[in-house]
Amino acid sequence: MKTNEMRGRSAQDMNEHILELRREQFSLRMQKAQGGEAKTHDFKRVRREIARARTVLAEQSKQGGPK
């Protein structure tokens, strides 16, 4: 999801999105631990998207909510 799309979402939607990403991150770690064919680029993608979402959430809390 792009940053501009994230800025239009509510705080509750952003928290749900972060939770979904954390589940995906956990799933990727479990695949790797079990010796599965984990796509290594997905680790970086998910980690950065979580950081992006948390940054937008922090910006929204400073401004007092979504625009």
PDB file of N, CA and C in Angstrom:
ATOM      1  N   MET A   1       0.842  -1.166   0.000  1.00  0.00           N
ATOM      2  CA  MET A   1       0.000   0.000   0.000  1.00  0.00           C
ATOM      3  C   MET A   1       0.893   1.235   0.000  1.00  0.00           C
ATOM      4  N   LYS A   2       0.507   2.210  -0.768  1.00  0.00           N
ATOM      5  CA  LYS A   2       1.302   3.428  -0.865  1.00  0.00           C
ATOM      6  C   LYS A   2       1.028   4.349   0.319  1.00  0.00           C
ATOM      7  N   THR A   3       1.965   5.217   0.588  1.00  0.00           N
ATOM      8  CA  THR A   3       1.870   6.113   1.734  1.00  0.00           C
ATOM      9  C   THR A   3       0.669   7.040   1.618  1.00  0.00           C
ATOM     10  N   ASN A   4       0.391   7.543   0.425  1.00  0.00           N
ATOM     11  CA  ASN A   4      -0.749   8.435   0.249  1.00  0.00           C
ATOM     12  C   ASN A   4      -2.062   7.722   0.545  1.00  0.00           C
ATOM     13  N   GLU A   5      -2.158   6.454   0.210  1.00  0.00           N
ATOM     14  CA  GLU A   5      -3.353   5.680   0.518  1.00  0.00           C
ATOM     15  C   GLU A   5      -3.494   5.505   2.021  1.00  0.00           C
ATOM     16  N   MET A   6      -2.368   5.331   2.711  1.00  0.00           N
ATOM     17  CA  MET A   6      -2.394   5.146   4.158  1.00  0.00           C
ATOM     18  C   MET A   6      -2.862   6.405   4.863  1.00  0.00           C
ATOM     19  N   ARG A   7      -2.491   7.549   4.341  1.00  0.00           N
ATOM     20  CA  ARG A   7      -2.847   8.806   4.998  1.00  0.00           C
ATOM     21  C   ARG A   7      -4.352   9.052   4.998  1.00  0.00           C
ATOM     22  N   GLY A   8      -5.069   8.451   4.070  1.00  0.00           N
ATOM     23  CA  GLY A   8      -6.513   8.621   4.007  1.00  0.00           C
ATOM     24  C   GLY A   8      -7.297   7.693   4.916  1.00  0.00           C
ATOM     25  N   ARG A   9      -6.618   6.770   5.570  1.00  0.00           N
ATOM     26  CA  ARG A   9      -7.292   5.791   6.423  1.00  0.00           C
ATOM     27  C   ARG A   9      -7.387   6.286   7.866  1.00  0.00           C
ATOM     28  N   SER A  10      -8.340   5.724   8.596  1.00  0.00           N
ATOM     29  CA  SER A  10      -8.497   6.078  10.009  1.00  0.00           C
ATOM     30  C   SER A  10      -7.435   5.357  10.840  1.00  0.00           C
ATOM     31  N   ALA A  11      -7.303   5.779  12.082  1.00  0.00           N
ATOM     32  CA  ALA A  11      -6.313   5.180  12.977  1.00  0.00           C
ATOM     33  C   ALA A  11      -6.640   3.715  13.234  1.00  0.00           C
ATOM     34  N   GLN A  12      -7.922   3.406  13.362  1.00  0.00           N
ATOM     35  CA  GLN A  12      -8.317   2.021  13.593  1.00  0.00           C
ATOM     36  C   GLN A  12      -7.965   1.150  12.394  1.00  0.00           C
ATOM     37  N   ASP A  13      -8.202   1.643  11.183  1.00  0.00           N
ATOM     38  CA  ASP A  13      -7.832   0.900   9.972  1.00  0.00           C
ATOM     39  C   ASP A  13      -6.329   0.694   9.894  1.00  0.00           C
ATOM     40  N   MET A  14      -5.573   1.717  10.296  1.00  0.00           N
ATOM     41  CA  MET A  14      -4.115   1.603  10.253  1.00  0.00           C
ATOM     42  C   MET A  14      -3.628   0.554  11.252  1.00  0.00           C
ATOM     43  N   ASN A  15      -4.223   0.525  12.440  1.00  0.00           N
ATOM     44  CA  ASN A  15      -3.826  -0.480  13.431  1.00  0.00           C
ATOM     45  C   ASN A  15      -4.150  -1.883  12.946  1.00  0.00           C
ATOM     46  N   GLU A  16      -5.286  -2.053  12.278  1.00  0.00           N
ATOM     47  CA  GLU A  16      -5.646  -3.356  11.719  1.00  0.00           C
ATOM     48  C   GLU A  16      -4.667  -3.760  10.619  1.00  0.00           C
ATOM     49  N   HIS A  17      -4.263  -2.790   9.810  1.00  0.00           N
ATOM     50  CA  HIS A  17      -3.309  -3.060   8.731  1.00  0.00           C
ATOM     51  C   HIS A  17      -1.954  -3.475   9.310  1.00  0.00           C
ATOM     52  N   ILE A  18      -1.525  -2.797  10.362  1.00  0.00           N
ATOM     53  CA  ILE A  18      -0.261  -3.143  11.016  1.00  0.00           C
ATOM     54  C   ILE A  18      -0.344  -4.551  11.595  1.00  0.00           C
ATOM     55  N   LEU A  19      -1.465  -4.892  12.211  1.00  0.00           N
ATOM     56  CA  LEU A  19      -1.647  -6.222  12.767  1.00  0.00           C
ATOM     57  C   LEU A  19      -1.584  -7.290  11.675  1.00  0.00           C
ATOM     58  N   GLU A  20      -2.202  -7.007  10.545  1.00  0.00           N
ATOM     59  CA  GLU A  20      -2.156  -7.936   9.403  1.00  0.00           C
ATOM     60  C   GLU A  20      -0.727  -8.122   8.897  1.00  0.00           C
ATOM     61  N   LEU A  21       0.025  -7.029   8.844  1.00  0.00           N
ATOM     62  CA  LEU A  21       1.415  -7.103   8.404  1.00  0.00           C
ATOM     63  C   LEU A  21       2.272  -7.875   9.395  1.00  0.00           C
ATOM     64  N   ARG A  22       2.015  -7.701  10.688  1.00  0.00           N
ATOM     65  CA  ARG A  22       2.772  -8.437  11.702  1.00  0.00           C
ATOM     66  C   ARG A  22       2.504  -9.937  11.596  1.00  0.00           C
ATOM     67  N   ARG A  23       1.250 -10.294  11.277  1.00  0.00           N
ATOM     68  CA  ARG A  23       0.918 -11.708  11.073  1.00  0.00           C
ATOM     69  C   ARG A  23       1.651 -12.258   9.855  1.00  0.00           C
ATOM     70  N   GLU A  24       1.719 -11.454   8.797  1.00  0.00           N
ATOM     71  CA  GLU A  24       2.443 -11.880   7.601  1.00  0.00           C
ATOM     72  C   GLU A  24       3.928 -12.052   7.913  1.00  0.00           C
ATOM     73  N   GLN A  25       4.476 -11.144   8.700  1.00  0.00           N
ATOM     74  CA  GLN A  25       5.879 -11.225   9.089  1.00  0.00           C
ATOM     75  C   GLN A  25       6.139 -12.495   9.906  1.00  0.00           C
ATOM     76  N   PHE A  26       5.239 -12.813  10.825  1.00  0.00           N
ATOM     77  CA  PHE A  26       5.367 -14.020  11.621  1.00  0.00           C
ATOM     78  C   PHE A  26       5.306 -15.256  10.731  1.00  0.00           C
ATOM     79  N   SER A  27       4.397 -15.255   9.790  1.00  0.00           N
ATOM     80  CA  SER A  27       4.244 -16.377   8.868  1.00  0.00           C
ATOM     81  C   SER A  27       5.520 -16.590   8.048  1.00  0.00           C
ATOM     82  N   LEU A  28       6.122 -15.497   7.607  1.00  0.00           N
ATOM     83  CA  LEU A  28       7.371 -15.598   6.850  1.00  0.00           C
ATOM     84  C   LEU A  28       8.491 -16.180   7.706  1.00  0.00           C
ATOM     85  N   ARG A  29       8.545 -15.755   8.976  1.00  0.00           N
ATOM     86  CA  ARG A  29       9.572 -16.299   9.870  1.00  0.00           C
ATOM     87  C   ARG A  29       9.377 -17.788  10.111  1.00  0.00           C
ATOM     88  N   MET A  30       8.122 -18.206  10.241  1.00  0.00           N
ATOM     89  CA  MET A  30       7.841 -19.626  10.463  1.00  0.00           C
ATOM     90  C   MET A  30       8.186 -20.450   9.219  1.00  0.00           C
ATOM     91  N   GLN A  31       7.912 -19.923   8.047  1.00  0.00           N
ATOM     92  CA  GLN A  31       8.269 -20.616   6.807  1.00  0.00           C
ATOM     93  C   GLN A  31       9.778 -20.805   6.726  1.00  0.00           C
ATOM     94  N   LYS A  32      10.499 -19.750   7.079  1.00  0.00           N
ATOM     95  CA  LYS A  32      11.964 -19.820   7.028  1.00  0.00           C
ATOM     96  C   LYS A  32      12.491 -20.829   8.046  1.00  0.00           C
ATOM     97  N   ALA A  33      11.911 -20.829   9.254  1.00  0.00           N
ATOM     98  CA  ALA A  33      12.372 -21.729  10.309  1.00  0.00           C
ATOM     99  C   ALA A  33      12.102 -23.192   9.968  1.00  0.00           C
ATOM    100  N   GLN A  34      11.045 -23.463   9.241  1.00  0.00           N
ATOM    101  CA  GLN A  34      10.699 -24.831   8.877  1.00  0.00           C
ATOM    102  C   GLN A  34      11.422 -25.291   7.622  1.00  0.00           C
ATOM    103  N   GLY A  35      12.242 -24.434   7.079  1.00  0.00           N
ATOM    104  CA  GLY A  35      13.019 -24.805   5.908  1.00  0.00           C
ATOM    105  C   GLY A  35      12.267 -24.653   4.604  1.00  0.00           C
ATOM    106  N   GLY A  36      11.189 -23.909   4.648  1.00  0.00           N
ATOM    107  CA  GLY A  36      10.385 -23.705   3.444  1.00  0.00           C
ATOM    108  C   GLY A  36      11.028 -22.724   2.488  1.00  0.00           C
ATOM    109  N   GLU A  37      10.404 -22.587   1.358  1.00  0.00           N
ATOM    110  CA  GLU A  37      10.879 -21.668   0.325  1.00  0.00           C
ATOM    111  C   GLU A  37      10.369 -20.259   0.611  1.00  0.00           C
ATOM    112  N   ALA A  38      11.000 -19.562   1.528  1.00  0.00           N
ATOM    113  CA  ALA A  38      10.613 -18.193   1.863  1.00  0.00           C
ATOM    114  C   ALA A  38      11.243 -17.240   0.861  1.00  0.00           C
ATOM    115  N   LYS A  39      10.453 -16.283   0.417  1.00  0.00           N
ATOM    116  CA  LYS A  39      10.965 -15.259  -0.491  1.00  0.00           C
ATOM    117  C   LYS A  39      11.629 -14.190   0.370  1.00  0.00           C
ATOM    118  N   THR A  40      12.934 -14.094   0.260  1.00  0.00           N
ATOM    119  CA  THR A  40      13.685 -13.226   1.157  1.00  0.00           C
ATOM    120  C   THR A  40      13.345 -11.750   0.980  1.00  0.00           C
ATOM    121  N   HIS A  41      12.926 -11.334  -0.199  1.00  0.00           N
ATOM    122  CA  HIS A  41      12.593  -9.929  -0.412  1.00  0.00           C
ATOM    123  C   HIS A  41      11.316  -9.536   0.337  1.00  0.00           C
ATOM    124  N   ASP A  42      10.483 -10.506   0.678  1.00  0.00           N
ATOM    125  CA  ASP A  42       9.259 -10.204   1.403  1.00  0.00           C
ATOM    126  C   ASP A  42       9.538  -9.759   2.837  1.00  0.00           C
ATOM    127  N   PHE A  43      10.616 -10.241   3.448  1.00  0.00           N
ATOM    128  CA  PHE A  43      10.967  -9.820   4.795  1.00  0.00           C
ATOM    129  C   PHE A  43      11.195  -8.307   4.816  1.00  0.00           C
ATOM    130  N   LYS A  44      11.958  -7.822   3.881  1.00  0.00           N
ATOM    131  CA  LYS A  44      12.275  -6.402   3.805  1.00  0.00           C
ATOM    132  C   LYS A  44      11.037  -5.583   3.470  1.00  0.00           C
ATOM    133  N   ARG A  45      10.217  -6.072   2.532  1.00  0.00           N
ATOM    134  CA  ARG A  45       9.006  -5.364   2.120  1.00  0.00           C
ATOM    135  C   ARG A  45       8.048  -5.193   3.296  1.00  0.00           C
ATOM    136  N   VAL A  46       7.816  -6.273   4.038  1.00  0.00           N
ATOM    137  CA  VAL A  46       6.879  -6.226   5.155  1.00  0.00           C
ATOM    138  C   VAL A  46       7.417  -5.325   6.262  1.00  0.00           C
ATOM    139  N   ARG A  47       8.694  -5.452   6.571  1.00  0.00           N
ATOM    140  CA  ARG A  47       9.293  -4.632   7.623  1.00  0.00           C
ATOM    141  C   ARG A  47       9.169  -3.145   7.298  1.00  0.00           C
ATOM    142  N   ARG A  48       9.427  -2.789   6.055  1.00  0.00           N
ATOM    143  CA  ARG A  48       9.344  -1.384   5.661  1.00  0.00           C
ATOM    144  C   ARG A  48       7.905  -0.882   5.626  1.00  0.00           C
ATOM    145  N   GLU A  49       6.980  -1.748   5.224  1.00  0.00           N
ATOM    146  CA  GLU A  49       5.583  -1.326   5.195  1.00  0.00           C
ATOM    147  C   GLU A  49       5.048  -1.114   6.610  1.00  0.00           C
ATOM    148  N   ILE A  50       5.489  -1.938   7.558  1.00  0.00           N
ATOM    149  CA  ILE A  50       5.105  -1.732   8.958  1.00  0.00           C
ATOM    150  C   ILE A  50       5.635  -0.377   9.444  1.00  0.00           C
ATOM    151  N   ALA A  51       6.874  -0.084   9.146  1.00  0.00           N
ATOM    152  CA  ALA A  51       7.473   1.187   9.559  1.00  0.00           C
ATOM    153  C   ALA A  51       6.742   2.361   8.916  1.00  0.00           C
ATOM    154  N   ARG A  52       6.395   2.223   7.655  1.00  0.00           N
ATOM    155  CA  ARG A  52       5.671   3.268   6.937  1.00  0.00           C
ATOM    156  C   ARG A  52       4.305   3.506   7.589  1.00  0.00           C
ATOM    157  N   ALA A  53       3.610   2.428   7.919  1.00  0.00           N
ATOM    158  CA  ALA A  53       2.285   2.544   8.527  1.00  0.00           C
ATOM    159  C   ALA A  53       2.373   3.181   9.914  1.00  0.00           C
ATOM    160  N   ARG A  54       3.373   2.790  10.691  1.00  0.00           N
ATOM    161  CA  ARG A  54       3.523   3.360  12.027  1.00  0.00           C
ATOM    162  C   ARG A  54       3.884   4.843  11.950  1.00  0.00           C
ATOM    163  N   THR A  55       4.647   5.235  10.936  1.00  0.00           N
ATOM    164  CA  THR A  55       4.999   6.643  10.753  1.00  0.00           C
ATOM    165  C   THR A  55       3.759   7.462  10.431  1.00  0.00           C
ATOM    166  N   VAL A  56       2.928   6.952   9.524  1.00  0.00           N
ATOM    167  CA  VAL A  56       1.693   7.659   9.163  1.00  0.00           C
ATOM    168  C   VAL A  56       0.778   7.758  10.371  1.00  0.00           C
ATOM    169  N   LEU A  57       0.699   6.698  11.164  1.00  0.00           N
ATOM    170  CA  LEU A  57      -0.123   6.698  12.368  1.00  0.00           C
ATOM    171  C   LEU A  57       0.367   7.762  13.355  1.00  0.00           C
ATOM    172  N   ALA A  58       1.665   7.887  13.506  1.00  0.00           N
ATOM    173  CA  ALA A  58       2.237   8.902  14.397  1.00  0.00           C
ATOM    174  C   ALA A  58       1.948  10.311  13.877  1.00  0.00           C
ATOM    175  N   GLU A  59       2.036  10.488  12.562  1.00  0.00           N
ATOM    176  CA  GLU A  59       1.713  11.795  11.970  1.00  0.00           C
ATOM    177  C   GLU A  59       0.265  12.155  12.228  1.00  0.00           C
ATOM    178  N   GLN A  60      -0.626  11.185  12.093  1.00  0.00           N
ATOM    179  CA  GLN A  60      -2.044  11.440  12.317  1.00  0.00           C
ATOM    180  C   GLN A  60      -2.323  11.791  13.766  1.00  0.00           C
ATOM    181  N   SER A  61      -1.643  11.152  14.693  1.00  0.00           N
ATOM    182  CA  SER A  61      -1.887  11.463  16.107  1.00  0.00           C
ATOM    183  C   SER A  61      -1.387  12.860  16.459  1.00  0.00           C
ATOM    184  N   LYS A  62      -0.324  13.307  15.810  1.00  0.00           N
ATOM    185  CA  LYS A  62       0.172  14.663  16.042  1.00  0.00           C
ATOM    186  C   LYS A  62      -0.810  15.706  15.503  1.00  0.00           C
ATOM    187  N   GLN A  63      -1.407  15.402  14.344  1.00  0.00           N
ATOM    188  CA  GLN A  63      -2.308  16.350  13.692  1.00  0.00           C
ATOM    189  C   GLN A  63      -3.720  16.268  14.238  1.00  0.00           C
ATOM    190  N   GLY A  64      -4.050  15.203  14.945  1.00  0.00           N
ATOM    191  CA  GLY A  64      -5.372  15.075  15.507  1.00  0.00           C
ATOM    192  C   GLY A  64      -6.330  14.269  14.654  1.00  0.00           C
ATOM    193  N   GLY A  65      -5.818  13.388  13.819  1.00  0.00           N
ATOM    194  CA  GLY A  65      -6.677  12.498  13.042  1.00  0.00           C
ATOM    195  C   GLY A  65      -6.427  12.621  11.561  1.00  0.00           C
ATOM    196  N   PRO A  66      -7.102  11.740  10.757  1.00  0.00           N
ATOM    197  CA  PRO A  66      -6.911  11.769   9.315  1.00  0.00           C
ATOM    198  C   PRO A  66      -7.546  13.011   8.704  1.00  0.00           C
ATOM    199  N   LYS A  67      -7.057  13.396   7.554  1.00  0.00           N
ATOM    200  CA  LYS A  67      -7.568  14.589   6.871  1.00  0.00           C
ATOM    201  C   LYS A  67      -8.931  14.347   6.308  1.00  0.00           C
TER     202      LYS A  67
END
